[in-house]
Amino acid sequence: MKILLSLTALSLTLALCQGFCTFSEHKAEIKDGKPVPPTECTDPYDGSKHPFGSKWNTAQCMECTCSESGMQCCSRYGGIVDVPGCKAVVNPNTCKYEFYKLDDPSKPCF
């Protein structure tokens, strides 16, 4: 029984570690007919500006990093999770999965 519990916990941990990332390259603006390279990144979610070398968290549970080559944003909560008899919901305040019983969504699974 302990082995089964350990394997279940390991499977859940591996599933949570599989997040997703996006990368967008910078695009030069054209001013007075000449290309002007960017000096910052624009947050794709709220439009805020961030200098090269910065890292920030978005309200959509993404962690973004700005570099001279572009901007990378990765999920902070992991990938798809399947726990039998439970529904996984991302808490927008903690950016972590919470699990609720399918037959009674008001009760947590764990």
N, C-alpha and C. Protein backbone atom coordinates (compact mmCIF):
# COMPACT_ATOMS: atom_id res chain seq x y z
N MET A 1 0.83 -1.19 0.00
CA MET A 1 0.00 0.00 0.00
C MET A 1 0.87 1.26 0.00
N LYS A 2 1.99 1.22 0.74
CA LYS A 2 2.89 2.38 0.78
C LYS A 2 3.51 2.63 -0.59
N ILE A 3 3.80 1.55 -1.32
CA ILE A 3 4.39 1.70 -2.65
C ILE A 3 3.39 2.36 -3.59
N LEU A 4 2.14 1.93 -3.53
CA LEU A 4 1.10 2.52 -4.38
C LEU A 4 0.94 4.02 -4.08
N LEU A 5 0.93 4.37 -2.82
CA LEU A 5 0.81 5.77 -2.43
C LEU A 5 2.01 6.58 -2.92
N SER A 6 3.20 6.00 -2.79
CA SER A 6 4.42 6.68 -3.25
C SER A 6 4.40 6.88 -4.76
N LEU A 7 3.96 5.87 -5.51
CA LEU A 7 3.88 6.00 -6.97
C LEU A 7 2.85 7.03 -7.39
N THR A 8 1.75 7.09 -6.67
CA THR A 8 0.72 8.09 -6.96
C THR A 8 1.27 9.49 -6.72
N ALA A 9 1.96 9.68 -5.61
CA ALA A 9 2.55 10.99 -5.29
C ALA A 9 3.59 11.38 -6.34
N LEU A 10 4.41 10.42 -6.77
CA LEU A 10 5.42 10.69 -7.79
C LEU A 10 4.76 11.08 -9.11
N SER A 11 3.72 10.37 -9.50
CA SER A 11 3.01 10.69 -10.75
C SER A 11 2.43 12.09 -10.70
N LEU A 12 1.85 12.45 -9.57
CA LEU A 12 1.26 13.78 -9.41
C LEU A 12 2.34 14.85 -9.49
N THR A 13 3.47 14.60 -8.86
CA THR A 13 4.59 15.55 -8.89
C THR A 13 5.10 15.75 -10.31
N LEU A 14 5.26 14.67 -11.06
CA LEU A 14 5.73 14.77 -12.44
C LEU A 14 4.73 15.53 -13.29
N ALA A 15 3.45 15.28 -13.08
CA ALA A 15 2.43 15.99 -13.86
C ALA A 15 2.46 17.48 -13.57
N LEU A 16 2.67 17.85 -12.33
CA LEU A 16 2.70 19.26 -11.96
C LEU A 16 3.92 19.98 -12.52
N CYS A 17 4.99 19.25 -12.78
CA CYS A 17 6.23 19.86 -13.26
C CYS A 17 6.19 20.18 -14.75
N GLN A 18 5.22 19.66 -15.47
CA GLN A 18 5.17 19.86 -16.90
C GLN A 18 4.36 21.11 -17.23
N GLY A 19 5.00 22.25 -17.21
CA GLY A 19 4.33 23.49 -17.53
C GLY A 19 4.47 23.80 -19.01
N PHE A 20 4.16 25.01 -19.38
CA PHE A 20 4.32 25.41 -20.77
C PHE A 20 4.94 26.79 -20.81
N CYS A 21 5.63 27.06 -21.90
CA CYS A 21 6.29 28.35 -22.09
C CYS A 21 6.01 28.87 -23.50
N THR A 22 6.07 30.17 -23.63
CA THR A 22 6.01 30.80 -24.95
C THR A 22 7.20 31.74 -25.07
N PHE A 23 7.68 31.93 -26.28
CA PHE A 23 8.79 32.84 -26.53
C PHE A 23 8.42 33.74 -27.70
N SER A 24 8.66 35.02 -27.55
CA SER A 24 8.43 35.95 -28.66
C SER A 24 9.68 36.80 -28.88
N GLU A 25 10.10 36.84 -30.13
CA GLU A 25 11.27 37.65 -30.49
C GLU A 25 10.85 39.11 -30.59
N HIS A 26 11.81 39.98 -30.36
CA HIS A 26 11.55 41.42 -30.49
C HIS A 26 11.39 41.78 -31.97
N LYS A 27 10.59 42.79 -32.20
CA LYS A 27 10.43 43.32 -33.56
C LYS A 27 10.87 44.78 -33.54
N ALA A 28 11.75 45.12 -34.46
CA ALA A 28 12.23 46.50 -34.54
C ALA A 28 11.12 47.41 -35.08
N GLU A 29 11.03 48.60 -34.52
CA GLU A 29 10.09 49.60 -35.01
C GLU A 29 10.78 50.39 -36.12
N ILE A 30 9.99 50.91 -37.02
CA ILE A 30 10.53 51.74 -38.09
C ILE A 30 10.19 53.20 -37.76
N LYS A 31 11.24 54.01 -37.57
CA LYS A 31 11.06 55.44 -37.31
C LYS A 31 11.91 56.22 -38.30
N ASP A 32 11.28 57.15 -38.98
CA ASP A 32 11.95 57.94 -40.00
C ASP A 32 12.61 57.05 -41.05
N GLY A 33 11.97 55.93 -41.36
CA GLY A 33 12.47 55.03 -42.39
C GLY A 33 13.61 54.13 -41.95
N LYS A 34 13.98 54.17 -40.65
CA LYS A 34 15.09 53.35 -40.16
C LYS A 34 14.61 52.43 -39.04
N PRO A 35 15.15 51.20 -39.01
CA PRO A 35 14.76 50.28 -37.92
C PRO A 35 15.36 50.72 -36.58
N VAL A 36 14.55 50.70 -35.55
CA VAL A 36 14.99 51.06 -34.20
C VAL A 36 14.80 49.83 -33.31
N PRO A 37 15.91 49.26 -32.81
CA PRO A 37 15.78 48.06 -31.97
C PRO A 37 15.10 48.39 -30.64
N PRO A 38 14.33 47.44 -30.11
CA PRO A 38 13.65 47.70 -28.83
C PRO A 38 14.64 47.74 -27.67
N THR A 39 14.24 48.41 -26.59
CA THR A 39 15.07 48.52 -25.40
C THR A 39 14.37 47.92 -24.18
N GLU A 40 13.17 47.35 -24.41
CA GLU A 40 12.39 46.78 -23.31
C GLU A 40 11.40 45.77 -23.87
N CYS A 41 10.72 45.07 -22.97
CA CYS A 41 9.68 44.10 -23.34
C CYS A 41 8.32 44.65 -22.92
N THR A 42 7.31 44.30 -23.67
CA THR A 42 5.94 44.68 -23.33
C THR A 42 5.20 43.43 -22.88
N ASP A 43 4.66 43.47 -21.66
CA ASP A 43 3.90 42.36 -21.11
C ASP A 43 2.71 42.07 -22.02
N PRO A 44 2.58 40.82 -22.51
CA PRO A 44 1.49 40.52 -23.44
C PRO A 44 0.12 40.51 -22.78
N TYR A 45 0.06 40.53 -21.46
CA TYR A 45 -1.22 40.43 -20.76
C TYR A 45 -1.76 41.79 -20.32
N ASP A 46 -0.88 42.67 -19.84
CA ASP A 46 -1.39 43.96 -19.35
C ASP A 46 -0.73 45.17 -20.02
N GLY A 47 0.22 44.92 -20.94
CA GLY A 47 0.84 46.01 -21.68
C GLY A 47 1.92 46.78 -20.93
N SER A 48 2.26 46.35 -19.70
CA SER A 48 3.30 47.06 -18.95
C SER A 48 4.67 46.83 -19.59
N LYS A 49 5.57 47.77 -19.38
CA LYS A 49 6.91 47.74 -19.96
C LYS A 49 7.92 47.23 -18.93
N HIS A 50 8.90 46.43 -19.40
CA HIS A 50 9.92 45.85 -18.51
C HIS A 50 11.28 45.90 -19.21
N PRO A 51 12.33 46.33 -18.50
CA PRO A 51 13.66 46.44 -19.11
C PRO A 51 14.31 45.08 -19.33
N PHE A 52 15.28 45.05 -20.23
CA PHE A 52 16.05 43.81 -20.45
C PHE A 52 16.65 43.35 -19.13
N GLY A 53 16.66 42.05 -18.90
CA GLY A 53 17.22 41.47 -17.68
C GLY A 53 16.22 41.36 -16.55
N SER A 54 14.99 41.81 -16.77
CA SER A 54 13.99 41.75 -15.69
C SER A 54 13.14 40.49 -15.76
N LYS A 55 12.52 40.17 -14.63
CA LYS A 55 11.64 39.01 -14.51
C LYS A 55 10.44 39.47 -13.68
N TRP A 56 9.24 39.04 -14.06
CA TRP A 56 8.04 39.44 -13.33
C TRP A 56 6.96 38.37 -13.44
N ASN A 57 5.99 38.44 -12.54
CA ASN A 57 4.84 37.54 -12.55
C ASN A 57 3.62 38.31 -13.03
N THR A 58 2.81 37.64 -13.85
CA THR A 58 1.60 38.28 -14.35
C THR A 58 0.39 37.83 -13.52
N ALA A 59 -0.71 38.55 -13.67
CA ALA A 59 -1.95 38.19 -12.98
C ALA A 59 -2.54 36.90 -13.54
N GLN A 60 -2.04 36.42 -14.68
CA GLN A 60 -2.52 35.19 -15.30
C GLN A 60 -1.65 33.99 -14.92
N CYS A 61 -0.92 34.11 -13.82
CA CYS A 61 -0.07 33.03 -13.30
C CYS A 61 1.04 32.64 -14.27
N MET A 62 1.62 33.64 -14.93
CA MET A 62 2.76 33.41 -15.80
C MET A 62 3.97 34.14 -15.22
N GLU A 63 5.16 33.55 -15.42
CA GLU A 63 6.41 34.19 -15.04
C GLU A 63 7.12 34.56 -16.33
N CYS A 64 7.37 35.83 -16.52
CA CYS A 64 7.97 36.31 -17.76
C CYS A 64 9.39 36.82 -17.51
N THR A 65 10.25 36.64 -18.51
CA THR A 65 11.63 37.09 -18.46
C THR A 65 11.91 37.87 -19.74
N CYS A 66 12.52 39.04 -19.59
CA CYS A 66 12.85 39.90 -20.73
C CYS A 66 14.35 39.86 -20.98
N SER A 67 14.72 39.61 -22.23
CA SER A 67 16.14 39.63 -22.60
C SER A 67 16.28 40.37 -23.93
N GLU A 68 17.50 40.60 -24.35
CA GLU A 68 17.74 41.30 -25.60
C GLU A 68 17.26 40.49 -26.81
N SER A 69 17.18 39.16 -26.65
CA SER A 69 16.74 38.33 -27.77
C SER A 69 15.22 38.20 -27.84
N GLY A 70 14.53 38.46 -26.74
CA GLY A 70 13.07 38.35 -26.75
C GLY A 70 12.50 38.19 -25.35
N MET A 71 11.26 37.75 -25.29
CA MET A 71 10.57 37.58 -24.01
C MET A 71 10.03 36.16 -23.91
N GLN A 72 10.27 35.54 -22.76
CA GLN A 72 9.76 34.19 -22.50
C GLN A 72 8.80 34.26 -21.31
N CYS A 73 7.64 33.64 -21.46
CA CYS A 73 6.66 33.55 -20.39
C CYS A 73 6.32 32.08 -20.17
N CYS A 74 6.39 31.63 -18.91
CA CYS A 74 6.11 30.24 -18.56
C CYS A 74 5.03 30.19 -17.49
N SER A 75 4.22 29.14 -17.54
CA SER A 75 3.19 28.97 -16.53
C SER A 75 3.84 28.71 -15.18
N ARG A 76 3.22 29.22 -14.12
CA ARG A 76 3.74 29.03 -12.77
C ARG A 76 3.06 27.86 -12.07
N TYR A 77 2.08 27.25 -12.69
CA TYR A 77 1.32 26.21 -12.00
C TYR A 77 1.51 24.81 -12.56
N GLY A 78 2.29 24.62 -13.57
CA GLY A 78 2.52 23.28 -14.09
C GLY A 78 1.56 22.95 -15.21
N GLY A 79 1.59 21.70 -15.62
CA GLY A 79 0.78 21.26 -16.75
C GLY A 79 -0.56 20.71 -16.33
N ILE A 80 -1.11 19.87 -17.18
CA ILE A 80 -2.42 19.28 -16.93
C ILE A 80 -2.30 18.21 -15.87
N VAL A 81 -3.22 18.20 -14.94
CA VAL A 81 -3.20 17.24 -13.83
C VAL A 81 -4.49 16.46 -13.83
N ASP A 82 -4.39 15.16 -13.64
CA ASP A 82 -5.57 14.31 -13.57
C ASP A 82 -5.50 13.48 -12.30
N VAL A 83 -6.40 13.75 -11.36
CA VAL A 83 -6.51 12.97 -10.14
C VAL A 83 -7.89 12.32 -10.16
N PRO A 84 -7.96 11.00 -10.17
CA PRO A 84 -9.26 10.32 -10.25
C PRO A 84 -10.22 10.79 -9.15
N GLY A 85 -11.44 11.14 -9.57
CA GLY A 85 -12.47 11.57 -8.64
C GLY A 85 -12.36 13.02 -8.22
N CYS A 86 -11.39 13.76 -8.78
CA CYS A 86 -11.18 15.15 -8.39
C CYS A 86 -11.09 16.05 -9.61
N LYS A 87 -11.42 17.31 -9.40
CA LYS A 87 -11.29 18.32 -10.44
C LYS A 87 -10.17 19.27 -10.01
N ALA A 88 -9.22 19.52 -10.92
CA ALA A 88 -8.11 20.44 -10.64
C ALA A 88 -8.50 21.84 -11.07
N VAL A 89 -8.31 22.82 -10.17
CA VAL A 89 -8.62 24.22 -10.44
C VAL A 89 -7.40 25.04 -10.04
N VAL A 90 -6.96 25.96 -10.91
CA VAL A 90 -5.84 26.84 -10.58
C VAL A 90 -6.37 27.99 -9.74
N ASN A 91 -5.79 28.14 -8.56
CA ASN A 91 -6.15 29.27 -7.69
C ASN A 91 -5.42 30.50 -8.23
N PRO A 92 -6.16 31.55 -8.65
CA PRO A 92 -5.50 32.72 -9.24
C PRO A 92 -4.67 33.54 -8.25
N ASN A 93 -4.89 33.35 -6.96
CA ASN A 93 -4.10 34.09 -5.96
C ASN A 93 -2.78 33.41 -5.67
N THR A 94 -2.75 32.08 -5.63
CA THR A 94 -1.53 31.35 -5.30
C THR A 94 -0.86 30.75 -6.54
N CYS A 95 -1.59 30.69 -7.66
CA CYS A 95 -1.10 30.07 -8.90
C CYS A 95 -0.72 28.61 -8.69
N LYS A 96 -1.47 27.93 -7.85
CA LYS A 96 -1.27 26.50 -7.59
C LYS A 96 -2.59 25.78 -7.80
N TYR A 97 -2.46 24.48 -8.14
CA TYR A 97 -3.66 23.67 -8.30
C TYR A 97 -4.31 23.40 -6.94
N GLU A 98 -5.63 23.41 -6.94
CA GLU A 98 -6.42 22.96 -5.80
C GLU A 98 -7.34 21.88 -6.35
N PHE A 99 -7.57 20.84 -5.57
CA PHE A 99 -8.35 19.71 -6.03
C PHE A 99 -9.65 19.59 -5.24
N TYR A 100 -10.76 19.46 -5.98
CA TYR A 100 -12.07 19.37 -5.36
C TYR A 100 -12.78 18.11 -5.85
N LYS A 101 -13.60 17.52 -4.98
CA LYS A 101 -14.32 16.29 -5.31
C LYS A 101 -15.32 16.57 -6.43
N LEU A 102 -15.39 15.62 -7.37
CA LEU A 102 -16.31 15.78 -8.49
C LEU A 102 -17.76 15.76 -8.03
N ASP A 103 -18.07 14.91 -7.04
CA ASP A 103 -19.45 14.80 -6.59
C ASP A 103 -19.85 15.89 -5.61
N ASP A 104 -18.87 16.64 -5.06
CA ASP A 104 -19.17 17.76 -4.17
C ASP A 104 -18.05 18.80 -4.28
N PRO A 105 -18.15 19.72 -5.25
CA PRO A 105 -17.08 20.70 -5.51
C PRO A 105 -16.75 21.61 -4.34
N SER A 106 -17.55 21.61 -3.29
CA SER A 106 -17.25 22.45 -2.14
C SER A 106 -16.24 21.78 -1.20
N LYS A 107 -15.96 20.48 -1.42
CA LYS A 107 -15.03 19.74 -0.55
C LYS A 107 -13.72 19.46 -1.28
N PRO A 108 -12.60 19.82 -0.63
CA PRO A 108 -11.29 19.51 -1.23
C PRO A 108 -11.02 18.01 -1.19
N CYS A 109 -10.21 17.54 -2.15
CA CYS A 109 -9.86 16.11 -2.21
C CYS A 109 -8.83 15.73 -1.15
N PHE A 110 -7.96 16.66 -0.81
CA PHE A 110 -6.87 16.32 0.10
C PHE A 110 -6.99 17.10 1.39
